[in-house]
Amino acid sequence: MRVTTPAPREEWERIATGDPGAVAEHFPRWTDAICAVGPWEDASRCYELADGRRFVLPLVRHRRVPGGWYASPPPAWGFGGLVGPDLDAGVVERVVEDLRGMGAVRISIRPDPTTAEAWAGVRGRGVTLLPRFAHVIDLEGGIEAVEAGYKKSTRRGIRYAERAGVTVEKDHTGALLPVHYELYLKAVETWSERQREPLALARWRARRRDPLEKLEAMAEHLGKDFCQFVAYHEGRPVASSIMLIGPSAHDTRAAMVRDLPPKVRANDALQAASIRHAVESGCTRYHLGESGESENLAMFKERWGAVGHPYHEVRIERLPVTRVDAAARGAVKRLIGFRDA
């Protein structure tokens, strides 16, 4: 197996484009966005096998961590892992051995949940597996097949939104990001109450996780493949979401106000418009992102026809960084009475 790092850009683009399951995060322009706003640099790896198959691992390296911290991708930057047609467990096994040989303090990989089977056998020295759960909608049957998979409550919600006069605006330029960010910060207040987290801490975490500059970098580097939807009710923006377009689509950010009448259902109008655009863009799948252990979130996604995919984030570590970090986070949560919602 031949390894080239960083991955040659043209080859990387070709490999990712040829994988129908690839999301925008698998492309070099996403790595450029990561490096533009954080302490990261491109460390991508291109693998060429003896049988002619080629794969790319989008990977970045933290510039200021001694011993090497690599991520595919960093926290709160979506999905990563290997991209390329015909991925199987044998390829993953060989790639993990290559990564283990780098001797880094930590290498974290959050693969596309639909490739979970290929990653299921990863074990061995220094490997830690973190259980994750995400939802995905199959779009290959076209919009009629997708909408036929909506539950009655979903179709009813879309009708309610239409009757309430909800309108949806679409933008590819990032011009509406200030609207999104205002809604996002308002939503943080709701989340902090549910999680019993001090509001000041919740706001600090939110801004650290997703500063406005980060979202602007996404828009700048993805261009037309960055898609924001804003729902309006009576002229007021009440919900916003961001979708990333690749061979598969990824609904990655959403926020809405909480003071709407029950029959306005702006979020349903927003979701319906987003899914329709993904189908019209030729996407094969629609990723609805992480669901965690939230039953309410899982129910919302499943009423759109999404299927749950359990998978694992893979961490290869020379030191027990994950264990120490988990213990510290757990202690802080117990101290403030934090409740995962």
C-alpha atoms as a PDB file:
ATOM      1  CA  MET A   1       0.000   0.000   0.000  1.00  0.00           C
ATOM      2  CA  ARG A   2       1.442   3.353  -1.047  1.00  0.00           C
ATOM      3  CA  VAL A   3       0.795   6.388   1.139  1.00  0.00           C
ATOM      4  CA  THR A   4       1.069  10.006  -0.049  1.00  0.00           C
ATOM      5  CA  THR A   5       0.728  12.903   2.392  1.00  0.00           C
ATOM      6  CA  PRO A   6      -0.642  15.474   2.054  1.00  0.00           C
ATOM      7  CA  ALA A   7      -3.033  13.960  -0.458  1.00  0.00           C
ATOM      8  CA  PRO A   8      -2.619  15.414  -3.981  1.00  0.00           C
ATOM      9  CA  ARG A   9      -5.506  17.849  -4.387  1.00  0.00           C
ATOM     10  CA  GLU A  10      -6.702  16.825  -7.855  1.00  0.00           C
ATOM     11  CA  GLU A  11      -6.582  13.133  -6.983  1.00  0.00           C
ATOM     12  CA  TRP A  12      -8.341  13.769  -3.674  1.00  0.00           C
ATOM     13  CA  GLU A  13     -11.121  15.670  -5.437  1.00  0.00           C
ATOM     14  CA  ARG A  14     -11.524  12.885  -8.006  1.00  0.00           C
ATOM     15  CA  ILE A  15     -11.685  10.136  -5.377  1.00  0.00           C
ATOM     16  CA  ALA A  16     -14.238  11.976  -3.232  1.00  0.00           C
ATOM     17  CA  THR A  17     -16.391  12.855  -6.238  1.00  0.00           C
ATOM     18  CA  GLY A  18     -16.465   9.192  -7.232  1.00  0.00           C
ATOM     19  CA  ASP A  19     -17.842   8.069  -3.870  1.00  0.00           C
ATOM     20  CA  PRO A  20     -21.665   8.446  -3.811  1.00  0.00           C
ATOM     21  CA  GLY A  21     -21.625   8.410  -0.011  1.00  0.00           C
ATOM     22  CA  ALA A  22     -19.155  11.272   0.335  1.00  0.00           C
ATOM     23  CA  VAL A  23     -20.255  14.398   2.175  1.00  0.00           C
ATOM     24  CA  ALA A  24     -18.828  17.898   1.766  1.00  0.00           C
ATOM     25  CA  GLU A  25     -16.497  17.293   4.718  1.00  0.00           C
ATOM     26  CA  HIS A  26     -14.620  14.685   2.671  1.00  0.00           C
ATOM     27  CA  PHE A  27     -13.396  17.245   0.124  1.00  0.00           C
ATOM     28  CA  PRO A  28     -10.205  19.336   0.249  1.00  0.00           C
ATOM     29  CA  ARG A  29     -12.128  22.608   0.404  1.00  0.00           C
ATOM     30  CA  TRP A  30     -13.532  21.568   3.804  1.00  0.00           C
ATOM     31  CA  THR A  31     -10.002  20.988   5.094  1.00  0.00           C
ATOM     32  CA  ASP A  32      -9.141  24.470   3.808  1.00  0.00           C
ATOM     33  CA  ALA A  33     -12.014  25.916   5.866  1.00  0.00           C
ATOM     34  CA  ILE A  34     -10.797  24.099   8.994  1.00  0.00           C
ATOM     35  CA  CYS A  35      -7.247  25.387   8.539  1.00  0.00           C
ATOM     36  CA  ALA A  36      -8.455  28.933   7.816  1.00  0.00           C
ATOM     37  CA  VAL A  37     -10.005  29.488  11.255  1.00  0.00           C
ATOM     38  CA  GLY A  38      -8.135  27.174  13.620  1.00  0.00           C
ATOM     39  CA  PRO A  39      -4.662  25.990  14.630  1.00  0.00           C
ATOM     40  CA  TRP A  40      -4.725  23.145  12.085  1.00  0.00           C
ATOM     41  CA  GLU A  41      -2.763  22.194   8.991  1.00  0.00           C
ATOM     42  CA  ASP A  42      -3.428  19.697   6.220  1.00  0.00           C
ATOM     43  CA  ALA A  43      -2.129  16.204   7.033  1.00  0.00           C
ATOM     44  CA  SER A  44      -4.402  14.284   4.653  1.00  0.00           C
ATOM     45  CA  ARG A  45      -3.297  10.840   3.495  1.00  0.00           C
ATOM     46  CA  CYS A  46      -3.913   9.199   0.121  1.00  0.00           C
ATOM     47  CA  TYR A  47      -3.770   5.401   0.056  1.00  0.00           C
ATOM     48  CA  GLU A  48      -3.181   3.405  -3.136  1.00  0.00           C
ATOM     49  CA  LEU A  49      -3.733  -0.345  -2.886  1.00  0.00           C
ATOM     50  CA  ALA A  50      -2.183  -3.051  -5.037  1.00  0.00           C
ATOM     51  CA  ASP A  51      -5.575  -3.755  -6.645  1.00  0.00           C
ATOM     52  CA  GLY A  52      -5.778  -0.167  -7.895  1.00  0.00           C
ATOM     53  CA  ARG A  53      -8.301   1.145  -5.374  1.00  0.00           C
ATOM     54  CA  ARG A  54      -7.548   4.554  -3.882  1.00  0.00           C
ATOM     55  CA  PHE A  55      -8.836   6.222  -0.746  1.00  0.00           C
ATOM     56  CA  VAL A  56      -8.228   9.503   1.036  1.00  0.00           C
ATOM     57  CA  LEU A  57      -8.323  10.151   4.760  1.00  0.00           C
ATOM     58  CA  PRO A  58      -9.064  13.879   5.276  1.00  0.00           C
ATOM     59  CA  LEU A  59      -6.820  14.596   8.243  1.00  0.00           C
ATOM     60  CA  VAL A  60      -5.518  17.719   9.955  1.00  0.00           C
ATOM     61  CA  ARG A  61      -2.770  18.190  12.519  1.00  0.00           C
ATOM     62  CA  HIS A  62      -2.888  20.601  15.445  1.00  0.00           C
ATOM     63  CA  ARG A  63       0.097  22.910  15.060  1.00  0.00           C
ATOM     64  CA  ARG A  64       0.613  23.551  18.774  1.00  0.00           C
ATOM     65  CA  VAL A  65       0.188  20.139  20.456  1.00  0.00           C
ATOM     66  CA  PRO A  66       3.495  18.396  21.242  1.00  0.00           C
ATOM     67  CA  GLY A  67       3.601  14.780  20.144  1.00  0.00           C
ATOM     68  CA  GLY A  68       0.965  15.244  17.486  1.00  0.00           C
ATOM     69  CA  TRP A  69      -2.814  15.557  17.644  1.00  0.00           C
ATOM     70  CA  TYR A  70      -4.492  14.567  14.405  1.00  0.00           C
ATOM     71  CA  ALA A  71      -8.201  14.651  13.645  1.00  0.00           C
ATOM     72  CA  SER A  72     -10.555  13.545  10.889  1.00  0.00           C
ATOM     73  CA  PRO A  73     -12.119  16.004  11.462  1.00  0.00           C
ATOM     74  CA  PRO A  74     -11.640  18.167  14.602  1.00  0.00           C
ATOM     75  CA  PRO A  75     -14.532  18.335  17.112  1.00  0.00           C
ATOM     76  CA  ALA A  76     -17.685  20.034  15.759  1.00  0.00           C
ATOM     77  CA  TRP A  77     -16.495  19.865  12.160  1.00  0.00           C
ATOM     78  CA  GLY A  78     -18.760  17.068  10.970  1.00  0.00           C
ATOM     79  CA  PHE A  79     -17.818  13.654   9.600  1.00  0.00           C
ATOM     80  CA  GLY A  80     -14.484  12.391   8.305  1.00  0.00           C
ATOM     81  CA  GLY A  81     -12.959   8.985   7.858  1.00  0.00           C
ATOM     82  CA  LEU A  82     -11.941   7.307   4.622  1.00  0.00           C
ATOM     83  CA  VAL A  83     -13.537   8.365   1.362  1.00  0.00           C
ATOM     84  CA  GLY A  84     -13.470   6.399  -1.878  1.00  0.00           C
ATOM     85  CA  PRO A  85     -15.551   3.755  -3.664  1.00  0.00           C
ATOM     86  CA  ASP A  86     -15.587   0.139  -2.463  1.00  0.00           C
ATOM     87  CA  LEU A  87     -14.402   0.711   1.092  1.00  0.00           C
ATOM     88  CA  ASP A  88     -14.263  -2.470   3.168  1.00  0.00           C
ATOM     89  CA  ALA A  89     -12.981  -3.716   6.528  1.00  0.00           C
ATOM     90  CA  GLY A  90      -9.673  -4.874   5.041  1.00  0.00           C
ATOM     91  CA  VAL A  91      -8.861  -1.358   3.843  1.00  0.00           C
ATOM     92  CA  VAL A  92      -9.769   0.121   7.218  1.00  0.00           C
ATOM     93  CA  GLU A  93      -7.565  -2.402   9.004  1.00  0.00           C
ATOM     94  CA  ARG A  94      -4.528  -1.511   6.900  1.00  0.00           C
ATOM     95  CA  VAL A  95      -5.139   2.231   7.305  1.00  0.00           C
ATOM     96  CA  VAL A  96      -5.455   1.914  11.082  1.00  0.00           C
ATOM     97  CA  GLU A  97      -2.123   0.086  11.181  1.00  0.00           C
ATOM     98  CA  ASP A  98      -0.573   2.909   9.179  1.00  0.00           C
ATOM     99  CA  LEU A  99      -1.981   5.495  11.579  1.00  0.00           C
ATOM    100  CA  ARG A 100      -0.873   3.544  14.618  1.00  0.00           C
ATOM    101  CA  GLY A 101       2.655   3.574  13.201  1.00  0.00           C
ATOM    102  CA  MET A 102       2.696   7.382  13.246  1.00  0.00           C
ATOM    103  CA  GLY A 103       3.147   7.318  17.039  1.00  0.00           C
ATOM    104  CA  ALA A 104       0.941  10.364  17.589  1.00  0.00           C
ATOM    105  CA  VAL A 105      -0.424  11.271  21.013  1.00  0.00           C
ATOM    106  CA  ARG A 106      -3.930  11.159  19.537  1.00  0.00           C
ATOM    107  CA  ILE A 107      -5.567  10.475  16.197  1.00  0.00           C
ATOM    108  CA  SER A 108      -9.371  10.832  16.242  1.00  0.00           C
ATOM    109  CA  ILE A 109     -11.601   9.675  13.394  1.00  0.00           C
ATOM    110  CA  ARG A 110     -15.346  10.218  13.181  1.00  0.00           C
ATOM    111  CA  PRO A 111     -16.295   8.284  10.036  1.00  0.00           C
ATOM    112  CA  ASP A 112     -19.410   8.567   7.921  1.00  0.00           C
ATOM    113  CA  PRO A 113     -22.039   6.587   9.927  1.00  0.00           C
ATOM    114  CA  THR A 114     -23.104   4.683   6.798  1.00  0.00           C
ATOM    115  CA  THR A 115     -19.609   3.120   6.649  1.00  0.00           C
ATOM    116  CA  ALA A 116     -19.920   1.726  10.182  1.00  0.00           C
ATOM    117  CA  GLU A 117     -19.672  -1.888   9.018  1.00  0.00           C
ATOM    118  CA  ALA A 118     -16.216  -1.304   7.522  1.00  0.00           C
ATOM    119  CA  TRP A 119     -14.992   0.239  10.797  1.00  0.00           C
ATOM    120  CA  ALA A 120     -16.716  -2.257  13.110  1.00  0.00           C
ATOM    121  CA  GLY A 121     -13.696  -4.529  13.529  1.00  0.00           C
ATOM    122  CA  VAL A 122     -11.199  -1.866  14.595  1.00  0.00           C
ATOM    123  CA  ARG A 123      -9.510  -3.029  17.780  1.00  0.00           C
ATOM    124  CA  GLY A 124      -6.055  -3.354  19.248  1.00  0.00           C
ATOM    125  CA  ARG A 125      -3.306  -1.469  20.979  1.00  0.00           C
ATOM    126  CA  GLY A 126      -4.125   2.129  21.815  1.00  0.00           C
ATOM    127  CA  VAL A 127      -7.578   2.052  20.210  1.00  0.00           C
ATOM    128  CA  THR A 128     -10.550   3.586  22.028  1.00  0.00           C
ATOM    129  CA  LEU A 129     -14.057   3.332  20.549  1.00  0.00           C
ATOM    130  CA  LEU A 130     -16.682   5.954  21.428  1.00  0.00           C
ATOM    131  CA  PRO A 131     -20.282   4.958  20.594  1.00  0.00           C
ATOM    132  CA  ARG A 132     -22.176   7.411  18.382  1.00  0.00           C
ATOM    133  CA  PHE A 133     -25.617   7.410  16.807  1.00  0.00           C
ATOM    134  CA  ALA A 134     -26.758   9.363  13.749  1.00  0.00           C
ATOM    135  CA  HIS A 135     -29.707   9.401  11.335  1.00  0.00           C
ATOM    136  CA  VAL A 136     -29.679   9.297   7.524  1.00  0.00           C
ATOM    137  CA  ILE A 137     -32.407   9.524   4.864  1.00  0.00           C
ATOM    138  CA  ASP A 138     -32.045   7.544   1.623  1.00  0.00           C
ATOM    139  CA  LEU A 139     -32.744   9.910  -1.311  1.00  0.00           C
ATOM    140  CA  GLU A 140     -32.102   7.609  -4.249  1.00  0.00           C
ATOM    141  CA  GLY A 141     -35.786   6.962  -4.987  1.00  0.00           C
ATOM    142  CA  GLY A 142     -36.430  10.621  -5.797  1.00  0.00           C
ATOM    143  CA  ILE A 143     -38.595  13.221  -4.077  1.00  0.00           C
ATOM    144  CA  GLU A 144     -41.861  11.270  -4.385  1.00  0.00           C
ATOM    145  CA  ALA A 145     -40.348   8.222  -2.689  1.00  0.00           C
ATOM    146  CA  VAL A 146     -38.746  10.381  -0.006  1.00  0.00           C
ATOM    147  CA  GLU A 147     -41.977  12.248   0.775  1.00  0.00           C
ATOM    148  CA  ALA A 148     -43.871   8.943   0.837  1.00  0.00           C
ATOM    149  CA  GLY A 149     -41.631   8.019   3.770  1.00  0.00           C
ATOM    150  CA  TYR A 150     -42.762  11.039   5.814  1.00  0.00           C
ATOM    151  CA  LYS A 151     -45.036  10.153   8.704  1.00  0.00           C
ATOM    152  CA  LYS A 152     -48.532  11.629   8.891  1.00  0.00           C
ATOM    153  CA  SER A 153     -47.462  14.069  11.597  1.00  0.00           C
ATOM    154  CA  THR A 154     -44.744  15.393   9.277  1.00  0.00           C
ATOM    155  CA  ARG A 155     -47.092  15.942   6.346  1.00  0.00           C
ATOM    156  CA  ARG A 156     -49.566  17.587   8.705  1.00  0.00           C
ATOM    157  CA  GLY A 157     -46.833  19.880  10.029  1.00  0.00           C
ATOM    158  CA  ILE A 158     -45.894  20.963   6.511  1.00  0.00           C
ATOM    159  CA  ARG A 159     -49.555  21.819   5.812  1.00  0.00           C
ATOM    160  CA  TYR A 160     -49.791  23.785   9.060  1.00  0.00           C
ATOM    161  CA  ALA A 161     -46.723  25.805   8.060  1.00  0.00           C
ATOM    162  CA  GLU A 162     -48.202  26.572   4.638  1.00  0.00           C
ATOM    163  CA  ARG A 163     -51.506  27.709   6.156  1.00  0.00           C
ATOM    164  CA  ALA A 164     -49.663  29.878   8.688  1.00  0.00           C
ATOM    165  CA  GLY A 165     -47.912  31.676   5.841  1.00  0.00           C
ATOM    166  CA  VAL A 166     -44.400  30.432   6.646  1.00  0.00           C
ATOM    167  CA  THR A 167     -41.946  31.247   3.852  1.00  0.00           C
ATOM    168  CA  VAL A 168     -38.438  29.841   3.350  1.00  0.00           C
ATOM    169  CA  GLU A 169     -35.487  31.732   1.877  1.00  0.00           C
ATOM    170  CA  LYS A 170     -32.427  29.919   0.499  1.00  0.00           C
ATOM    171  CA  ASP A 171     -28.930  31.410   0.290  1.00  0.00           C
ATOM    172  CA  HIS A 172     -25.536  30.123  -0.882  1.00  0.00           C
ATOM    173  CA  THR A 173     -23.400  33.167  -0.094  1.00  0.00           C
ATOM    174  CA  GLY A 174     -23.361  33.350   3.697  1.00  0.00           C
ATOM    175  CA  ALA A 175     -25.222  36.676   3.614  1.00  0.00           C
ATOM    176  CA  LEU A 176     -27.881  35.335   5.988  1.00  0.00           C
ATOM    177  CA  LEU A 177     -25.426  33.945   8.538  1.00  0.00           C
ATOM    178  CA  PRO A 178     -25.929  36.859  10.990  1.00  0.00           C
ATOM    179  CA  VAL A 179     -29.642  35.905  11.062  1.00  0.00           C
ATOM    180  CA  HIS A 180     -28.708  32.284  11.722  1.00  0.00           C
ATOM    181  CA  TYR A 181     -26.283  33.243  14.467  1.00  0.00           C
ATOM    182  CA  GLU A 182     -28.809  35.376  16.305  1.00  0.00           C
ATOM    183  CA  LEU A 183     -31.275  32.466  16.285  1.00  0.00           C
ATOM    184  CA  TYR A 184     -28.500  30.107  17.370  1.00  0.00           C
ATOM    185  CA  LEU A 185     -27.598  32.207  20.413  1.00  0.00           C
ATOM    186  CA  LYS A 186     -31.276  32.432  21.391  1.00  0.00           C
ATOM    187  CA  ALA A 187     -31.549  28.653  21.110  1.00  0.00           C
ATOM    188  CA  VAL A 188     -28.573  28.317  23.455  1.00  0.00           C
ATOM    189  CA  GLU A 189     -30.735  29.811  26.198  1.00  0.00           C
ATOM    190  CA  THR A 190     -33.271  27.010  25.750  1.00  0.00           C
ATOM    191  CA  TRP A 191     -30.584  24.337  25.697  1.00  0.00           C
ATOM    192  CA  SER A 192     -28.965  25.698  28.858  1.00  0.00           C
ATOM    193  CA  GLU A 193     -32.280  25.465  30.722  1.00  0.00           C
ATOM    194  CA  ARG A 194     -32.866  21.875  29.607  1.00  0.00           C
ATOM    195  CA  GLN A 195     -29.338  20.850  30.510  1.00  0.00           C
ATOM    196  CA  ARG A 196     -29.291  22.785  33.798  1.00  0.00           C
ATOM    197  CA  GLU A 197     -26.156  24.549  32.600  1.00  0.00           C
ATOM    198  CA  PRO A 198     -25.305  28.115  33.654  1.00  0.00           C
ATOM    199  CA  LEU A 199     -26.244  30.406  30.767  1.00  0.00           C
ATOM    200  CA  ALA A 200     -22.866  32.170  30.741  1.00  0.00           C
ATOM    201  CA  LEU A 201     -21.109  28.821  30.409  1.00  0.00           C
ATOM    202  CA  ALA A 202     -23.519  27.669  27.698  1.00  0.00           C
ATOM    203  CA  ARG A 203     -22.934  30.846  25.673  1.00  0.00           C
ATOM    204  CA  TRP A 204     -19.167  30.528  26.060  1.00  0.00           C
ATOM    205  CA  ARG A 205     -19.245  26.918  24.875  1.00  0.00           C
ATOM    206  CA  ALA A 206     -21.518  27.790  21.943  1.00  0.00           C
ATOM    207  CA  ARG A 207     -19.319  30.625  20.720  1.00  0.00           C
ATOM    208  CA  ARG A 208     -16.222  28.487  21.158  1.00  0.00           C
ATOM    209  CA  ARG A 209     -17.747  25.568  19.290  1.00  0.00           C
ATOM    210  CA  ASP A 210     -19.233  27.610  16.461  1.00  0.00           C
ATOM    211  CA  PRO A 211     -17.954  31.166  16.206  1.00  0.00           C
ATOM    212  CA  LEU A 212     -19.531  33.158  13.408  1.00  0.00           C
ATOM    213  CA  GLU A 213     -16.149  33.253  11.651  1.00  0.00           C
ATOM    214  CA  LYS A 214     -16.230  29.460  11.388  1.00  0.00           C
ATOM    215  CA  LEU A 215     -19.596  29.461   9.621  1.00  0.00           C
ATOM    216  CA  GLU A 216     -18.387  32.238   7.325  1.00  0.00           C
ATOM    217  CA  ALA A 217     -15.346  30.123   6.431  1.00  0.00           C
ATOM    218  CA  MET A 218     -17.649  27.221   5.553  1.00  0.00           C
ATOM    219  CA  ALA A 219     -19.614  29.465   3.207  1.00  0.00           C
ATOM    220  CA  GLU A 220     -16.510  30.982   1.636  1.00  0.00           C
ATOM    221  CA  HIS A 221     -14.783  27.678   0.896  1.00  0.00           C
ATOM    222  CA  LEU A 222     -17.822  25.630  -0.145  1.00  0.00           C
ATOM    223  CA  GLY A 223     -19.388  28.265  -2.374  1.00  0.00           C
ATOM    224  CA  LYS A 224     -22.587  26.989  -3.998  1.00  0.00           C
ATOM    225  CA  ASP A 225     -22.334  23.778  -1.953  1.00  0.00           C
ATOM    226  CA  PHE A 226     -23.021  25.786   1.206  1.00  0.00           C
ATOM    227  CA  CYS A 227     -26.765  26.189   1.605  1.00  0.00           C
ATOM    228  CA  GLN A 228     -28.596  28.111   4.328  1.00  0.00           C
ATOM    229  CA  PHE A 229     -32.362  28.110   4.755  1.00  0.00           C
ATOM    230  CA  VAL A 230     -34.237  30.685   6.820  1.00  0.00           C
ATOM    231  CA  ALA A 231     -37.935  30.351   7.674  1.00  0.00           C
ATOM    232  CA  TYR A 232     -40.014  33.508   8.231  1.00  0.00           C
ATOM    233  CA  HIS A 233     -43.341  33.915   9.964  1.00  0.00           C
ATOM    234  CA  GLU A 234     -45.123  37.241   9.687  1.00  0.00           C
ATOM    235  CA  GLY A 235     -41.900  38.773   8.384  1.00  0.00           C
ATOM    236  CA  ARG A 236     -39.778  37.590  11.333  1.00  0.00           C
ATOM    237  CA  PRO A 237     -36.974  35.024  10.966  1.00  0.00           C
ATOM    238  CA  VAL A 238     -37.952  32.145  13.241  1.00  0.00           C
ATOM    239  CA  ALA A 239     -35.787  29.199  12.148  1.00  0.00           C
ATOM    240  CA  SER A 240     -32.568  28.622  10.250  1.00  0.00           C
ATOM    241  CA  SER A 241     -30.544  25.631   9.119  1.00  0.00           C
ATOM    242  CA  ILE A 242     -27.336  24.955   7.206  1.00  0.00           C
ATOM    243  CA  MET A 243     -26.883  22.139   4.714  1.00  0.00           C
ATOM    244  CA  LEU A 244     -23.651  21.065   3.034  1.00  0.00           C
ATOM    245  CA  ILE A 245     -23.849  19.583  -0.450  1.00  0.00           C
ATOM    246  CA  GLY A 246     -21.663  16.747  -1.720  1.00  0.00           C
ATOM    247  CA  PRO A 247     -22.566  13.456  -3.386  1.00  0.00           C
ATOM    248  CA  SER A 248     -24.506  13.126  -0.108  1.00  0.00           C
ATOM    249  CA  ALA A 249     -26.006  16.072   1.797  1.00  0.00           C
ATOM    250  CA  HIS A 250     -25.426  16.911   5.461  1.00  0.00           C
ATOM    251  CA  ASP A 251     -27.857  18.999   7.528  1.00  0.00           C
ATOM    252  CA  THR A 252     -25.349  20.238  10.056  1.00  0.00           C
ATOM    253  CA  ARG A 253     -26.713  23.271  11.953  1.00  0.00           C
ATOM    254  CA  ALA A 254     -30.213  24.315  12.993  1.00  0.00           C
ATOM    255  CA  ALA A 255     -31.765  26.844  15.361  1.00  0.00           C
ATOM    256  CA  MET A 256     -35.226  28.240  15.947  1.00  0.00           C
ATOM    257  CA  VAL A 257     -37.182  30.447  18.328  1.00  0.00           C
ATOM    258  CA  ARG A 258     -39.326  28.765  20.945  1.00  0.00           C
ATOM    259  CA  ASP A 259     -42.276  31.180  21.184  1.00  0.00           C
ATOM    260  CA  LEU A 260     -44.176  30.137  18.046  1.00  0.00           C
ATOM    261  CA  PRO A 261     -47.829  29.027  18.161  1.00  0.00           C
ATOM    262  CA  PRO A 262     -48.102  25.211  17.934  1.00  0.00           C
ATOM    263  CA  LYS A 263     -49.634  25.244  14.446  1.00  0.00           C
ATOM    264  CA  VAL A 264     -46.981  27.393  12.800  1.00  0.00           C
ATOM    265  CA  ARG A 265     -44.466  24.518  12.445  1.00  0.00           C
ATOM    266  CA  ALA A 266     -41.771  26.612  10.769  1.00  0.00           C
ATOM    267  CA  ASN A 267     -39.147  23.939  11.361  1.00  0.00           C
ATOM    268  CA  ASP A 268     -41.157  21.470   9.271  1.00  0.00           C
ATOM    269  CA  ALA A 269     -41.270  23.936   6.369  1.00  0.00           C
ATOM    270  CA  LEU A 270     -37.529  24.451   6.716  1.00  0.00           C
ATOM    271  CA  GLN A 271     -36.744  20.734   6.784  1.00  0.00           C
ATOM    272  CA  ALA A 272     -38.996  19.972   3.812  1.00  0.00           C
ATOM    273  CA  ALA A 273     -37.336  22.688   1.703  1.00  0.00           C
ATOM    274  CA  SER A 274     -33.871  21.456   2.656  1.00  0.00           C
ATOM    275  CA  ILE A 275     -34.590  17.829   1.770  1.00  0.00           C
ATOM    276  CA  ARG A 276     -36.161  18.806  -1.539  1.00  0.00           C
ATOM    277  CA  HIS A 277     -33.090  20.862  -2.455  1.00  0.00           C
ATOM    278  CA  ALA A 278     -30.822  17.908  -1.615  1.00  0.00           C
ATOM    279  CA  VAL A 279     -32.821  15.675  -3.947  1.00  0.00           C
ATOM    280  CA  GLU A 280     -32.791  18.305  -6.711  1.00  0.00           C
ATOM    281  CA  SER A 281     -29.006  18.582  -6.273  1.00  0.00           C
ATOM    282  CA  GLY A 282     -28.635  14.869  -7.047  1.00  0.00           C
ATOM    283  CA  CYS A 283     -27.598  13.796  -3.541  1.00  0.00           C
ATOM    284  CA  THR A 284     -27.927  10.101  -2.716  1.00  0.00           C
ATOM    285  CA  ARG A 285     -28.330  10.527   1.055  1.00  0.00           C
ATOM    286  CA  TYR A 286     -29.341  13.179   3.536  1.00  0.00           C
ATOM    287  CA  HIS A 287     -27.436  13.090   6.808  1.00  0.00           C
ATOM    288  CA  LEU A 288     -29.357  14.532   9.742  1.00  0.00           C
ATOM    289  CA  GLY A 289     -26.351  14.397  12.034  1.00  0.00           C
ATOM    290  CA  GLU A 290     -25.792  13.143  15.543  1.00  0.00           C
ATOM    291  CA  SER A 291     -28.787  12.103  17.627  1.00  0.00           C
ATOM    292  CA  GLY A 292     -26.952  10.923  20.729  1.00  0.00           C
ATOM    293  CA  GLU A 293     -29.264   9.401  23.324  1.00  0.00           C
ATOM    294  CA  SER A 294     -32.088  11.903  22.813  1.00  0.00           C
ATOM    295  CA  GLU A 295     -35.350  10.068  22.143  1.00  0.00           C
ATOM    296  CA  ASN A 296     -37.115  13.272  21.110  1.00  0.00           C
ATOM    297  CA  LEU A 297     -34.428  14.110  18.558  1.00  0.00           C
ATOM    298  CA  ALA A 298     -34.496  10.571  17.169  1.00  0.00           C
ATOM    299  CA  MET A 299     -38.293  10.682  16.871  1.00  0.00           C
ATOM    300  CA  PHE A 300     -38.156  13.993  15.003  1.00  0.00           C
ATOM    301  CA  LYS A 301     -35.670  12.602  12.480  1.00  0.00           C
ATOM    302  CA  GLU A 302     -37.447   9.293  12.043  1.00  0.00           C
ATOM    303  CA  ARG A 303     -40.735  10.975  11.174  1.00  0.00           C
ATOM    304  CA  TRP A 304     -38.906  12.249   8.054  1.00  0.00           C
ATOM    305  CA  GLY A 305     -38.020   8.698   7.094  1.00  0.00           C
ATOM    306  CA  ALA A 306     -34.510   8.752   8.544  1.00  0.00           C
ATOM    307  CA  VAL A 307     -32.883   5.517   9.684  1.00  0.00           C
ATOM    308  CA  GLY A 308     -30.642   5.343  12.739  1.00  0.00           C
ATOM    309  CA  HIS A 309     -27.017   4.295  12.276  1.00  0.00           C
ATOM    310  CA  PRO A 310     -25.010   3.270  15.341  1.00  0.00           C
ATOM    311  CA  TYR A 311     -21.275   3.680  14.755  1.00  0.00           C
ATOM    312  CA  HIS A 312     -18.067   4.456  16.621  1.00  0.00           C
ATOM    313  CA  GLU A 313     -15.675   7.351  16.718  1.00  0.00           C
ATOM    314  CA  VAL A 314     -12.209   5.803  16.640  1.00  0.00           C
ATOM    315  CA  ARG A 315      -9.336   7.175  18.672  1.00  0.00           C
ATOM    316  CA  ILE A 316      -5.783   5.887  18.391  1.00  0.00           C
ATOM    317  CA  GLU A 317      -3.756   7.148  21.331  1.00  0.00           C
ATOM    318  CA  ARG A 318      -0.251   6.741  22.678  1.00  0.00           C
ATOM    319  CA  LEU A 319      -1.402   8.200  26.012  1.00  0.00           C
ATOM    320  CA  PRO A 320      -4.840   7.775  27.721  1.00  0.00           C
ATOM    321  CA  VAL A 321      -6.031  11.233  26.646  1.00  0.00           C
ATOM    322  CA  THR A 322      -9.672  10.214  26.119  1.00  0.00           C
ATOM    323  CA  ARG A 323      -9.979   8.573  29.533  1.00  0.00           C
ATOM    324  CA  VAL A 324      -8.505  11.568  31.359  1.00  0.00           C
ATOM    325  CA  ASP A 325     -10.622  14.017  29.359  1.00  0.00           C
ATOM    326  CA  ALA A 326     -13.828  12.051  30.007  1.00  0.00           C
ATOM    327  CA  ALA A 327     -13.123  11.971  33.745  1.00  0.00           C
ATOM    328  CA  ALA A 328     -12.538  15.731  33.852  1.00  0.00           C
ATOM    329  CA  ARG A 329     -15.691  16.500  31.869  1.00  0.00           C
ATOM    330  CA  GLY A 330     -17.733  14.167  34.054  1.00  0.00           C
ATOM    331  CA  ALA A 331     -16.507  15.877  37.198  1.00  0.00           C
ATOM    332  CA  VAL A 332     -17.475  19.315  35.872  1.00  0.00           C
ATOM    333  CA  LYS A 333     -20.939  18.075  34.816  1.00  0.00           C
ATOM    334  CA  ARG A 334     -21.579  16.602  38.258  1.00  0.00           C
ATOM    335  CA  LEU A 335     -20.406  19.822  39.891  1.00  0.00           C
ATOM    336  CA  ILE A 336     -22.855  22.037  37.990  1.00  0.00           C
ATOM    337  CA  GLY A 337     -25.694  19.475  37.834  1.00  0.00           C
ATOM    338  CA  PHE A 338     -25.486  19.203  34.058  1.00  0.00           C
ATOM    339  CA  ARG A 339     -28.085  16.981  32.398  1.00  0.00           C
ATOM    340  CA  ASP A 340     -27.634  15.687  28.839  1.00  0.00           C
ATOM    341  CA  ALA A 341     -30.760  16.596  26.877  1.00  0.00           C
END
